[in-house]
Amino acid sequence: MTRILRDDIILGRRAPGSRLVERDIAAELNVSRLPVREAIRTLVGEGVVVARPRTWAVVREFTQQDIQDFGEVREAIETLIFVFAAERHSADGIGRLRAAYEREHAAAVAGDVEAARMAAGEFHEISAELAGNEMLGELIGVFVTRLRWLFGQHDDLVAMAEEHRAILEAVSERDIATLRWLIPRHLASGQAAAARRLARAPGAF
């Protein structure tokens, strides 16, 4: 249940500011209200839903300051993640990372927006696993849902997949210097896309 609601928010099926009414969601998904209530509570903790006492919970509306704040934190943490992934990956790990990239690229070329965005998120999640650092994993886990929502809805899906291809090759070749140059630029493009979308329609992702 949590995964369903999380994906609905990340992929824009439930818009910022929209109400999350337990009974309506339960009826829509043919479940009881208890798992819906628990899912909403989890998503409040992940920072993408706002609980409003004595009324409905709503999908969070982000601001330009949110984008800047998350972007600064993300650059520091994800640069470390990809550097460690390059240093510590196994052949199996690189195979998983390559498979995520290939799914993303194929979906982007086919115009399958949701599949491309989901695969792009998997690319970053697998990289965090390959980094092999439990503390980094815990840190990214605190705000991974917000990051996927804010920075995962790129304007040019094919171009974003190509950026992931370059990162994949650098990780595979254990090219730390290139990654330290690539990652901030890769993340900046996602941040810029988020800022443009918010400027066009405040709160709308």
N, C-alpha and C. Protein backbone atom coordinates (compact mmCIF):
# COMPACT_ATOMS: atom_id res chain seq x y z
N MET A 1 0.82 -1.21 0.00
CA MET A 1 0.00 0.00 0.00
C MET A 1 0.86 1.26 0.00
N THR A 2 1.88 1.26 0.86
CA THR A 2 2.77 2.42 0.90
C THR A 2 3.44 2.62 -0.45
N ARG A 3 3.91 1.53 -1.06
CA ARG A 3 4.58 1.63 -2.36
C ARG A 3 3.64 2.20 -3.41
N ILE A 4 2.38 1.78 -3.40
CA ILE A 4 1.41 2.26 -4.39
C ILE A 4 1.21 3.77 -4.25
N LEU A 5 0.98 4.23 -3.03
CA LEU A 5 0.77 5.67 -2.82
C LEU A 5 2.04 6.46 -3.10
N ARG A 6 3.20 5.90 -2.70
CA ARG A 6 4.47 6.58 -2.95
C ARG A 6 4.69 6.76 -4.45
N ASP A 7 4.48 5.70 -5.22
CA ASP A 7 4.67 5.79 -6.66
C ASP A 7 3.67 6.76 -7.29
N ASP A 8 2.43 6.77 -6.79
CA ASP A 8 1.44 7.71 -7.31
C ASP A 8 1.90 9.15 -7.13
N ILE A 9 2.52 9.43 -5.99
CA ILE A 9 2.99 10.79 -5.72
C ILE A 9 4.22 11.11 -6.56
N ILE A 10 5.19 10.21 -6.56
CA ILE A 10 6.44 10.44 -7.30
C ILE A 10 6.16 10.63 -8.79
N LEU A 11 5.23 9.86 -9.33
CA LEU A 11 4.96 9.90 -10.76
C LEU A 11 3.90 10.95 -11.13
N GLY A 12 3.42 11.70 -10.13
CA GLY A 12 2.50 12.79 -10.42
C GLY A 12 1.05 12.40 -10.59
N ARG A 13 0.72 11.15 -10.24
CA ARG A 13 -0.69 10.74 -10.35
C ARG A 13 -1.54 11.41 -9.28
N ARG A 14 -0.91 11.73 -8.15
CA ARG A 14 -1.58 12.49 -7.08
C ARG A 14 -0.82 13.81 -6.95
N ALA A 15 -1.47 14.87 -7.32
CA ALA A 15 -0.80 16.17 -7.48
C ALA A 15 -0.52 16.82 -6.13
N PRO A 16 0.49 17.69 -6.08
CA PRO A 16 0.76 18.46 -4.85
C PRO A 16 -0.49 19.22 -4.42
N GLY A 17 -0.76 19.17 -3.13
CA GLY A 17 -1.92 19.83 -2.58
C GLY A 17 -3.18 19.00 -2.60
N SER A 18 -3.16 17.85 -3.29
CA SER A 18 -4.36 17.02 -3.35
C SER A 18 -4.60 16.30 -2.03
N ARG A 19 -5.85 16.09 -1.69
CA ARG A 19 -6.20 15.47 -0.41
C ARG A 19 -6.04 13.96 -0.50
N LEU A 20 -5.62 13.37 0.62
CA LEU A 20 -5.52 11.92 0.73
C LEU A 20 -6.56 11.48 1.75
N VAL A 21 -7.72 11.12 1.26
CA VAL A 21 -8.85 10.76 2.12
C VAL A 21 -8.86 9.24 2.30
N GLU A 22 -8.69 8.80 3.54
CA GLU A 22 -8.54 7.36 3.81
C GLU A 22 -9.65 6.53 3.19
N ARG A 23 -10.89 6.92 3.43
CA ARG A 23 -12.00 6.09 2.96
C ARG A 23 -12.06 6.04 1.44
N ASP A 24 -11.72 7.15 0.78
CA ASP A 24 -11.77 7.18 -0.67
C ASP A 24 -10.66 6.31 -1.27
N ILE A 25 -9.47 6.40 -0.70
CA ILE A 25 -8.35 5.60 -1.20
C ILE A 25 -8.61 4.12 -0.94
N ALA A 26 -9.15 3.82 0.24
CA ALA A 26 -9.45 2.42 0.57
C ALA A 26 -10.46 1.85 -0.41
N ALA A 27 -11.48 2.63 -0.75
CA ALA A 27 -12.48 2.15 -1.71
C ALA A 27 -11.88 2.00 -3.11
N GLU A 28 -11.04 2.95 -3.48
CA GLU A 28 -10.40 2.93 -4.80
C GLU A 28 -9.52 1.69 -4.98
N LEU A 29 -8.81 1.31 -3.91
CA LEU A 29 -7.86 0.20 -3.99
C LEU A 29 -8.43 -1.10 -3.42
N ASN A 30 -9.67 -1.04 -2.96
CA ASN A 30 -10.35 -2.22 -2.43
C ASN A 30 -9.60 -2.84 -1.25
N VAL A 31 -9.26 -1.99 -0.29
CA VAL A 31 -8.60 -2.44 0.94
C VAL A 31 -9.30 -1.77 2.12
N SER A 32 -8.92 -2.20 3.33
CA SER A 32 -9.48 -1.55 4.51
C SER A 32 -8.77 -0.21 4.73
N ARG A 33 -9.30 0.58 5.64
CA ARG A 33 -8.72 1.89 5.89
C ARG A 33 -7.41 1.82 6.68
N LEU A 34 -7.20 0.74 7.44
CA LEU A 34 -6.01 0.65 8.29
C LEU A 34 -4.70 0.70 7.47
N PRO A 35 -4.53 -0.12 6.42
CA PRO A 35 -3.27 -0.01 5.66
C PRO A 35 -3.09 1.34 4.97
N VAL A 36 -4.20 1.97 4.62
CA VAL A 36 -4.12 3.30 4.01
C VAL A 36 -3.62 4.30 5.05
N ARG A 37 -4.17 4.20 6.26
CA ARG A 37 -3.75 5.10 7.34
C ARG A 37 -2.26 4.91 7.64
N GLU A 38 -1.81 3.67 7.68
CA GLU A 38 -0.39 3.38 7.95
C GLU A 38 0.50 3.89 6.82
N ALA A 39 0.03 3.75 5.58
CA ALA A 39 0.81 4.24 4.44
C ALA A 39 0.95 5.75 4.48
N ILE A 40 -0.13 6.44 4.79
CA ILE A 40 -0.09 7.90 4.88
C ILE A 40 0.87 8.33 5.99
N ARG A 41 0.83 7.63 7.12
CA ARG A 41 1.75 7.96 8.22
C ARG A 41 3.20 7.78 7.78
N THR A 42 3.49 6.72 7.04
CA THR A 42 4.85 6.48 6.55
C THR A 42 5.28 7.59 5.61
N LEU A 43 4.39 8.01 4.72
CA LEU A 43 4.73 9.04 3.74
C LEU A 43 4.87 10.42 4.38
N VAL A 44 4.19 10.64 5.49
CA VAL A 44 4.42 11.85 6.27
C VAL A 44 5.86 11.84 6.76
N GLY A 45 6.31 10.68 7.27
CA GLY A 45 7.67 10.56 7.75
C GLY A 45 8.71 10.73 6.64
N GLU A 46 8.35 10.35 5.41
CA GLU A 46 9.26 10.49 4.28
C GLU A 46 9.24 11.90 3.69
N GLY A 47 8.34 12.74 4.18
CA GLY A 47 8.36 14.15 3.80
C GLY A 47 7.62 14.51 2.53
N VAL A 48 6.77 13.61 2.03
CA VAL A 48 6.03 13.95 0.81
C VAL A 48 4.53 14.12 1.06
N VAL A 49 4.11 13.91 2.29
CA VAL A 49 2.71 14.12 2.67
C VAL A 49 2.71 14.96 3.94
N VAL A 50 1.74 15.86 4.04
CA VAL A 50 1.61 16.73 5.21
C VAL A 50 0.33 16.34 5.96
N ALA A 51 0.48 16.03 7.23
CA ALA A 51 -0.68 15.70 8.06
C ALA A 51 -1.29 16.97 8.60
N ARG A 52 -2.60 17.09 8.48
CA ARG A 52 -3.30 18.26 9.00
C ARG A 52 -4.32 17.81 10.03
N PRO A 53 -4.09 18.14 11.32
CA PRO A 53 -4.99 17.68 12.38
C PRO A 53 -6.44 18.07 12.09
N ARG A 54 -7.33 17.12 12.34
CA ARG A 54 -8.78 17.31 12.21
C ARG A 54 -9.22 17.58 10.77
N THR A 55 -8.35 17.24 9.82
CA THR A 55 -8.76 17.36 8.42
C THR A 55 -7.96 16.34 7.62
N TRP A 56 -7.99 16.42 6.28
CA TRP A 56 -7.32 15.43 5.46
C TRP A 56 -5.81 15.68 5.38
N ALA A 57 -5.05 14.60 5.23
CA ALA A 57 -3.64 14.74 4.86
C ALA A 57 -3.60 15.17 3.40
N VAL A 58 -2.53 15.87 3.01
CA VAL A 58 -2.41 16.33 1.62
C VAL A 58 -1.01 16.03 1.10
N VAL A 59 -0.91 15.90 -0.21
CA VAL A 59 0.39 15.74 -0.85
C VAL A 59 1.15 17.06 -0.70
N ARG A 60 2.40 16.96 -0.29
CA ARG A 60 3.18 18.16 0.00
C ARG A 60 3.42 19.01 -1.24
N GLU A 61 3.39 20.31 -1.03
CA GLU A 61 3.75 21.27 -2.07
C GLU A 61 5.13 21.82 -1.74
N PHE A 62 6.08 21.64 -2.68
CA PHE A 62 7.45 22.07 -2.44
C PHE A 62 7.67 23.50 -2.92
N THR A 63 8.74 24.11 -2.41
CA THR A 63 9.09 25.48 -2.76
C THR A 63 10.47 25.51 -3.43
N GLN A 64 10.81 26.66 -4.00
CA GLN A 64 12.13 26.81 -4.59
C GLN A 64 13.22 26.63 -3.53
N GLN A 65 12.96 27.06 -2.31
CA GLN A 65 13.95 26.88 -1.24
C GLN A 65 14.15 25.40 -0.93
N ASP A 66 13.05 24.62 -0.96
CA ASP A 66 13.18 23.18 -0.76
C ASP A 66 14.11 22.58 -1.81
N ILE A 67 13.92 22.99 -3.06
CA ILE A 67 14.74 22.46 -4.15
C ILE A 67 16.22 22.78 -3.92
N GLN A 68 16.50 24.02 -3.52
CA GLN A 68 17.89 24.41 -3.27
C GLN A 68 18.47 23.63 -2.10
N ASP A 69 17.71 23.52 -1.01
CA ASP A 69 18.21 22.84 0.19
C ASP A 69 18.50 21.37 -0.10
N PHE A 70 17.54 20.69 -0.74
CA PHE A 70 17.73 19.26 -1.03
C PHE A 70 18.86 19.06 -2.03
N GLY A 71 18.97 19.96 -2.98
CA GLY A 71 20.02 19.84 -3.98
C GLY A 71 21.40 19.91 -3.37
N GLU A 72 21.58 20.81 -2.41
CA GLU A 72 22.89 20.95 -1.76
C GLU A 72 23.26 19.69 -0.98
N VAL A 73 22.30 19.15 -0.27
CA VAL A 73 22.56 17.93 0.51
C VAL A 73 22.78 16.74 -0.42
N ARG A 74 21.97 16.67 -1.46
CA ARG A 74 22.06 15.53 -2.37
C ARG A 74 23.42 15.48 -3.07
N GLU A 75 23.94 16.63 -3.47
CA GLU A 75 25.23 16.63 -4.17
C GLU A 75 26.33 16.04 -3.30
N ALA A 76 26.36 16.44 -2.04
CA ALA A 76 27.40 15.94 -1.15
C ALA A 76 27.28 14.43 -0.95
N ILE A 77 26.07 13.95 -0.69
CA ILE A 77 25.89 12.54 -0.37
C ILE A 77 26.02 11.66 -1.60
N GLU A 78 25.41 12.07 -2.71
CA GLU A 78 25.45 11.20 -3.89
C GLU A 78 26.82 11.17 -4.55
N THR A 79 27.59 12.22 -4.44
CA THR A 79 28.96 12.16 -4.96
C THR A 79 29.73 11.08 -4.21
N LEU A 80 29.58 11.04 -2.90
CA LEU A 80 30.23 9.99 -2.11
C LEU A 80 29.72 8.61 -2.51
N ILE A 81 28.42 8.50 -2.71
CA ILE A 81 27.84 7.21 -3.07
C ILE A 81 28.47 6.67 -4.35
N PHE A 82 28.53 7.50 -5.38
CA PHE A 82 29.06 7.02 -6.66
C PHE A 82 30.57 6.77 -6.60
N VAL A 83 31.28 7.55 -5.83
CA VAL A 83 32.72 7.31 -5.66
C VAL A 83 32.94 5.96 -4.98
N PHE A 84 32.21 5.70 -3.90
CA PHE A 84 32.35 4.42 -3.20
C PHE A 84 31.89 3.27 -4.08
N ALA A 85 30.81 3.48 -4.86
CA ALA A 85 30.34 2.43 -5.76
C ALA A 85 31.43 2.07 -6.77
N ALA A 86 32.13 3.09 -7.26
CA ALA A 86 33.22 2.84 -8.20
C ALA A 86 34.35 2.05 -7.55
N GLU A 87 34.66 2.37 -6.32
CA GLU A 87 35.76 1.72 -5.63
C GLU A 87 35.43 0.29 -5.21
N ARG A 88 34.13 0.01 -4.92
CA ARG A 88 33.77 -1.23 -4.22
C ARG A 88 32.88 -2.18 -5.02
N HIS A 89 32.47 -1.82 -6.20
CA HIS A 89 31.49 -2.63 -6.91
C HIS A 89 32.06 -3.99 -7.32
N SER A 90 31.13 -4.93 -7.50
CA SER A 90 31.46 -6.25 -8.03
C SER A 90 30.94 -6.33 -9.46
N ALA A 91 31.31 -7.39 -10.16
CA ALA A 91 30.82 -7.59 -11.52
C ALA A 91 29.30 -7.73 -11.52
N ASP A 92 28.77 -8.43 -10.53
CA ASP A 92 27.32 -8.58 -10.44
C ASP A 92 26.64 -7.23 -10.21
N GLY A 93 27.24 -6.41 -9.35
CA GLY A 93 26.66 -5.09 -9.07
C GLY A 93 26.62 -4.22 -10.31
N ILE A 94 27.70 -4.22 -11.07
CA ILE A 94 27.73 -3.44 -12.31
C ILE A 94 26.70 -3.97 -13.29
N GLY A 95 26.50 -5.28 -13.29
CA GLY A 95 25.48 -5.85 -14.17
C GLY A 95 24.09 -5.35 -13.82
N ARG A 96 23.80 -5.24 -12.53
CA ARG A 96 22.50 -4.72 -12.10
C ARG A 96 22.36 -3.24 -12.47
N LEU A 97 23.43 -2.49 -12.29
CA LEU A 97 23.40 -1.06 -12.62
C LEU A 97 23.20 -0.87 -14.12
N ARG A 98 23.89 -1.67 -14.92
CA ARG A 98 23.76 -1.58 -16.38
C ARG A 98 22.34 -1.95 -16.82
N ALA A 99 21.76 -2.96 -16.18
CA ALA A 99 20.40 -3.37 -16.52
C ALA A 99 19.40 -2.25 -16.24
N ALA A 100 19.58 -1.52 -15.12
CA ALA A 100 18.69 -0.40 -14.80
C ALA A 100 18.83 0.69 -15.84
N TYR A 101 20.07 1.00 -16.22
CA TYR A 101 20.28 2.01 -17.26
C TYR A 101 19.62 1.58 -18.57
N GLU A 102 19.78 0.32 -18.96
CA GLU A 102 19.22 -0.14 -20.23
C GLU A 102 17.70 -0.08 -20.22
N ARG A 103 17.08 -0.39 -19.07
CA ARG A 103 15.62 -0.25 -18.96
C ARG A 103 15.22 1.21 -19.10
N GLU A 104 15.97 2.09 -18.44
CA GLU A 104 15.67 3.51 -18.51
C GLU A 104 15.79 4.03 -19.94
N HIS A 105 16.88 3.68 -20.60
CA HIS A 105 17.11 4.17 -21.96
C HIS A 105 16.05 3.67 -22.92
N ALA A 106 15.70 2.39 -22.82
CA ALA A 106 14.69 1.83 -23.71
C ALA A 106 13.34 2.50 -23.48
N ALA A 107 13.00 2.73 -22.23
CA ALA A 107 11.72 3.38 -21.93
C ALA A 107 11.72 4.83 -22.39
N ALA A 108 12.84 5.52 -22.22
CA ALA A 108 12.94 6.92 -22.65
C ALA A 108 12.77 7.03 -24.16
N VAL A 109 13.44 6.16 -24.90
CA VAL A 109 13.34 6.18 -26.37
C VAL A 109 11.92 5.86 -26.81
N ALA A 110 11.26 4.96 -26.08
CA ALA A 110 9.89 4.58 -26.42
C ALA A 110 8.86 5.59 -25.96
N GLY A 111 9.29 6.58 -25.19
CA GLY A 111 8.36 7.59 -24.69
C GLY A 111 7.55 7.14 -23.50
N ASP A 112 7.99 6.06 -22.83
CA ASP A 112 7.29 5.56 -21.65
C ASP A 112 7.83 6.32 -20.44
N VAL A 113 7.19 7.43 -20.13
CA VAL A 113 7.69 8.35 -19.11
C VAL A 113 7.79 7.69 -17.74
N GLU A 114 6.73 7.00 -17.33
CA GLU A 114 6.73 6.42 -15.98
C GLU A 114 7.81 5.36 -15.85
N ALA A 115 7.95 4.49 -16.83
CA ALA A 115 8.96 3.43 -16.76
C ALA A 115 10.36 4.02 -16.75
N ALA A 116 10.59 5.07 -17.52
CA ALA A 116 11.90 5.70 -17.56
C ALA A 116 12.25 6.31 -16.21
N ARG A 117 11.29 6.98 -15.61
CA ARG A 117 11.55 7.61 -14.32
C ARG A 117 11.76 6.59 -13.22
N MET A 118 11.01 5.50 -13.25
CA MET A 118 11.19 4.46 -12.25
C MET A 118 12.56 3.82 -12.39
N ALA A 119 12.99 3.54 -13.62
CA ALA A 119 14.30 2.94 -13.83
C ALA A 119 15.41 3.89 -13.43
N ALA A 120 15.22 5.18 -13.67
CA ALA A 120 16.22 6.17 -13.25
C ALA A 120 16.37 6.17 -11.73
N GLY A 121 15.25 6.06 -11.03
CA GLY A 121 15.31 5.97 -9.58
C GLY A 121 16.04 4.71 -9.13
N GLU A 122 15.80 3.60 -9.82
CA GLU A 122 16.47 2.35 -9.49
C GLU A 122 17.98 2.48 -9.70
N PHE A 123 18.39 3.22 -10.73
CA PHE A 123 19.80 3.41 -11.02
C PHE A 123 20.51 4.02 -9.80
N HIS A 124 19.88 5.03 -9.22
CA HIS A 124 20.48 5.68 -8.05
C HIS A 124 20.41 4.78 -6.81
N GLU A 125 19.32 4.03 -6.67
CA GLU A 125 19.19 3.15 -5.51
C GLU A 125 20.22 2.02 -5.56
N ILE A 126 20.43 1.44 -6.73
CA ILE A 126 21.43 0.38 -6.87
C ILE A 126 22.82 0.92 -6.58
N SER A 127 23.10 2.13 -7.04
CA SER A 127 24.40 2.75 -6.78
C SER A 127 24.64 2.88 -5.28
N ALA A 128 23.60 3.25 -4.54
CA ALA A 128 23.73 3.38 -3.09
C ALA A 128 24.05 2.03 -2.46
N GLU A 129 23.45 0.96 -2.98
CA GLU A 129 23.77 -0.37 -2.48
C GLU A 129 25.22 -0.74 -2.78
N LEU A 130 25.68 -0.42 -3.99
CA LEU A 130 27.04 -0.76 -4.39
C LEU A 130 28.08 0.00 -3.57
N ALA A 131 27.69 1.16 -3.04
CA ALA A 131 28.63 1.95 -2.24
C ALA A 131 29.06 1.19 -0.98
N GLY A 132 28.20 0.32 -0.49
CA GLY A 132 28.57 -0.53 0.64
C GLY A 132 28.86 0.22 1.92
N ASN A 133 28.16 1.33 2.14
CA ASN A 133 28.36 2.12 3.34
C ASN A 133 27.01 2.26 4.05
N GLU A 134 26.88 1.60 5.18
CA GLU A 134 25.59 1.57 5.87
C GLU A 134 25.13 2.95 6.31
N MET A 135 26.06 3.77 6.76
CA MET A 135 25.70 5.11 7.22
C MET A 135 25.15 5.95 6.07
N LEU A 136 25.81 5.89 4.91
CA LEU A 136 25.31 6.62 3.75
C LEU A 136 23.93 6.10 3.35
N GLY A 137 23.75 4.78 3.42
CA GLY A 137 22.46 4.21 3.10
C GLY A 137 21.36 4.73 4.00
N GLU A 138 21.67 4.86 5.29
CA GLU A 138 20.69 5.40 6.23
C GLU A 138 20.38 6.86 5.93
N LEU A 139 21.41 7.64 5.62
CA LEU A 139 21.20 9.06 5.34
C LEU A 139 20.33 9.25 4.11
N ILE A 140 20.64 8.55 3.02
CA ILE A 140 19.87 8.72 1.79
C ILE A 140 18.45 8.19 1.98
N GLY A 141 18.32 7.16 2.84
CA GLY A 141 16.99 6.59 3.08
C GLY A 141 16.04 7.57 3.73
N VAL A 142 16.57 8.54 4.48
CA VAL A 142 15.73 9.51 5.17
C VAL A 142 14.95 10.37 4.19
N PHE A 143 15.58 10.70 3.05
CA PHE A 143 14.91 11.64 2.14
C PHE A 143 14.86 11.16 0.70
N VAL A 144 15.03 9.85 0.47
CA VAL A 144 15.07 9.35 -0.90
C VAL A 144 13.76 9.60 -1.64
N THR A 145 12.62 9.50 -0.95
CA THR A 145 11.34 9.71 -1.62
C THR A 145 11.20 11.15 -2.08
N ARG A 146 11.60 12.10 -1.23
CA ARG A 146 11.54 13.52 -1.62
C ARG A 146 12.48 13.79 -2.80
N LEU A 147 13.64 13.18 -2.77
CA LEU A 147 14.60 13.39 -3.86
C LEU A 147 14.05 12.85 -5.17
N ARG A 148 13.47 11.65 -5.12
CA ARG A 148 12.94 11.06 -6.35
C ARG A 148 11.81 11.92 -6.92
N TRP A 149 11.01 12.51 -6.04
CA TRP A 149 9.91 13.34 -6.51
C TRP A 149 10.42 14.66 -7.08
N LEU A 150 11.29 15.31 -6.32
CA LEU A 150 11.75 16.64 -6.74
C LEU A 150 12.61 16.60 -7.99
N PHE A 151 13.51 15.63 -8.06
CA PHE A 151 14.52 15.65 -9.11
C PHE A 151 14.36 14.53 -10.12
N GLY A 152 13.33 13.73 -10.00
CA GLY A 152 13.19 12.58 -10.89
C GLY A 152 12.32 12.81 -12.10
N GLN A 153 11.74 13.99 -12.22
CA GLN A 153 10.81 14.24 -13.33
C GLN A 153 11.46 15.17 -14.35
N HIS A 154 12.42 14.61 -15.08
CA HIS A 154 13.22 15.40 -16.00
C HIS A 154 12.45 15.77 -17.26
N ASP A 155 12.86 16.85 -17.87
CA ASP A 155 12.22 17.30 -19.12
C ASP A 155 12.65 16.45 -20.31
N ASP A 156 13.90 16.04 -20.35
CA ASP A 156 14.44 15.29 -21.49
C ASP A 156 14.91 13.93 -20.98
N LEU A 157 14.05 12.92 -21.11
CA LEU A 157 14.34 11.61 -20.54
C LEU A 157 15.51 10.92 -21.24
N VAL A 158 15.62 11.10 -22.54
CA VAL A 158 16.72 10.47 -23.27
C VAL A 158 18.05 11.08 -22.84
N ALA A 159 18.10 12.40 -22.71
CA ALA A 159 19.33 13.06 -22.28
C ALA A 159 19.71 12.61 -20.87
N MET A 160 18.72 12.44 -19.99
CA MET A 160 19.02 11.99 -18.63
C MET A 160 19.56 10.57 -18.64
N ALA A 161 18.99 9.72 -19.50
CA ALA A 161 19.51 8.35 -19.61
C ALA A 161 20.95 8.37 -20.10
N GLU A 162 21.27 9.28 -21.02
CA GLU A 162 22.64 9.37 -21.52
C GLU A 162 23.60 9.82 -20.42
N GLU A 163 23.14 10.68 -19.53
CA GLU A 163 23.97 11.06 -18.39
C GLU A 163 24.24 9.85 -17.50
N HIS A 164 23.22 9.02 -17.31
CA HIS A 164 23.41 7.80 -16.53
C HIS A 164 24.37 6.84 -17.23
N ARG A 165 24.35 6.80 -18.55
CA ARG A 165 25.30 5.94 -19.27
C ARG A 165 26.74 6.38 -18.98
N ALA A 166 26.98 7.69 -19.01
CA ALA A 166 28.33 8.19 -18.73
C ALA A 166 28.75 7.86 -17.30
N ILE A 167 27.81 7.99 -16.36
CA ILE A 167 28.11 7.67 -14.97
C ILE A 167 28.38 6.18 -14.83
N LEU A 168 27.56 5.36 -15.47
CA LEU A 168 27.76 3.91 -15.44
C LEU A 168 29.15 3.53 -15.91
N GLU A 169 29.59 4.10 -17.01
CA GLU A 169 30.91 3.75 -17.54
C GLU A 169 32.01 4.20 -16.59
N ALA A 170 31.86 5.36 -15.97
CA ALA A 170 32.87 5.83 -15.02
C ALA A 170 32.92 4.94 -13.79
N VAL A 171 31.76 4.52 -13.29
CA VAL A 171 31.73 3.61 -12.15
C VAL A 171 32.39 2.28 -12.53
N SER A 172 32.02 1.76 -13.69
CA SER A 172 32.57 0.48 -14.15
C SER A 172 34.09 0.53 -14.26
N GLU A 173 34.62 1.66 -14.73
CA GLU A 173 36.07 1.82 -14.91
C GLU A 173 36.78 2.33 -13.67
N ARG A 174 36.02 2.52 -12.59
CA ARG A 174 36.56 3.02 -11.31
C ARG A 174 37.26 4.37 -11.50
N ASP A 175 36.64 5.19 -12.32
CA ASP A 175 37.21 6.49 -12.68
C ASP A 175 36.69 7.55 -11.71
N ILE A 176 37.34 7.68 -10.58
CA ILE A 176 36.88 8.56 -9.51
C ILE A 176 36.90 10.03 -9.92
N ALA A 177 37.97 10.44 -10.60
CA ALA A 177 38.09 11.85 -11.00
C ALA A 177 36.93 12.27 -11.90
N THR A 178 36.58 11.42 -12.85
CA THR A 178 35.47 11.75 -13.75
C THR A 178 34.16 11.82 -12.99
N LEU A 179 33.96 10.91 -12.05
CA LEU A 179 32.72 10.93 -11.27
C LEU A 179 32.60 12.19 -10.44
N ARG A 180 33.69 12.64 -9.87
CA ARG A 180 33.64 13.88 -9.07
C ARG A 180 33.29 15.08 -9.94
N TRP A 181 33.54 15.00 -11.22
CA TRP A 181 33.17 16.06 -12.16
C TRP A 181 31.74 15.86 -12.67
N LEU A 182 31.37 14.58 -12.94
CA LEU A 182 30.08 14.27 -13.55
C LEU A 182 28.90 14.45 -12.60
N ILE A 183 29.03 13.95 -11.39
CA ILE A 183 27.87 13.87 -10.50
C ILE A 183 27.26 15.24 -10.19
N PRO A 184 28.04 16.25 -9.80
CA PRO A 184 27.42 17.55 -9.54
C PRO A 184 26.68 18.10 -10.76
N ARG A 185 27.22 17.88 -11.95
CA ARG A 185 26.56 18.37 -13.17
C ARG A 185 25.29 17.59 -13.47
N HIS A 186 25.33 16.29 -13.24
CA HIS A 186 24.15 15.46 -13.43
C HIS A 186 23.03 15.89 -12.48
N LEU A 187 23.36 16.08 -11.22
CA LEU A 187 22.35 16.47 -10.24
C LEU A 187 21.83 17.88 -10.50
N ALA A 188 22.70 18.75 -10.98
CA ALA A 188 22.28 20.13 -11.27
C ALA A 188 21.23 20.17 -12.36
N SER A 189 21.33 19.27 -13.34
CA SER A 189 20.34 19.28 -14.43
C SER A 189 18.97 18.87 -13.90
N GLY A 190 18.93 17.91 -12.99
CA GLY A 190 17.65 17.52 -12.38
C GLY A 190 17.10 18.63 -11.50
N GLN A 191 17.97 19.32 -10.79
CA GLN A 191 17.53 20.43 -9.95
C GLN A 191 16.97 21.56 -10.80
N ALA A 192 17.61 21.84 -11.92
CA ALA A 192 17.14 22.91 -12.80
C ALA A 192 15.77 22.57 -13.38
N ALA A 193 15.57 21.30 -13.74
CA ALA A 193 14.27 20.89 -14.28
C ALA A 193 13.17 21.06 -13.23
N ALA A 194 13.49 20.70 -11.98
CA ALA A 194 12.52 20.87 -10.91
C ALA A 194 12.20 22.34 -10.68
N ALA A 195 13.21 23.18 -10.72
CA ALA A 195 13.00 24.61 -10.50
C ALA A 195 12.15 25.21 -11.61
N ARG A 196 12.40 24.79 -12.85
CA ARG A 196 11.60 25.31 -13.98
C ARG A 196 10.15 24.89 -13.84
N ARG A 197 9.92 23.66 -13.45
CA ARG A 197 8.54 23.18 -13.34
C ARG A 197 7.80 23.94 -12.24
N LEU A 198 8.47 24.16 -11.12
CA LEU A 198 7.84 24.88 -10.02
C LEU A 198 7.58 26.34 -10.41
N ALA A 199 8.47 26.94 -11.17
CA ALA A 199 8.29 28.33 -11.58
C ALA A 199 7.09 28.48 -12.49
N ARG A 200 6.85 27.45 -13.32
CA ARG A 200 5.71 27.51 -14.24
C ARG A 200 4.39 27.38 -13.50
N ALA A 201 4.37 26.51 -12.49
CA ALA A 201 3.13 26.27 -11.76
C ALA A 201 3.50 25.91 -10.33
N PRO A 202 3.53 26.88 -9.42
CA PRO A 202 3.96 26.64 -8.05
C PRO A 202 3.28 25.42 -7.43
N GLY A 203 4.12 24.52 -6.88
CA GLY A 203 3.60 23.32 -6.23
C GLY A 203 3.34 22.19 -7.18
N ALA A 204 3.37 22.44 -8.50
CA ALA A 204 2.98 21.41 -9.46
C ALA A 204 4.18 20.63 -9.94
N PHE A 205 4.17 19.35 -9.63
CA PHE A 205 5.20 18.45 -10.12
C PHE A 205 4.48 17.36 -10.87
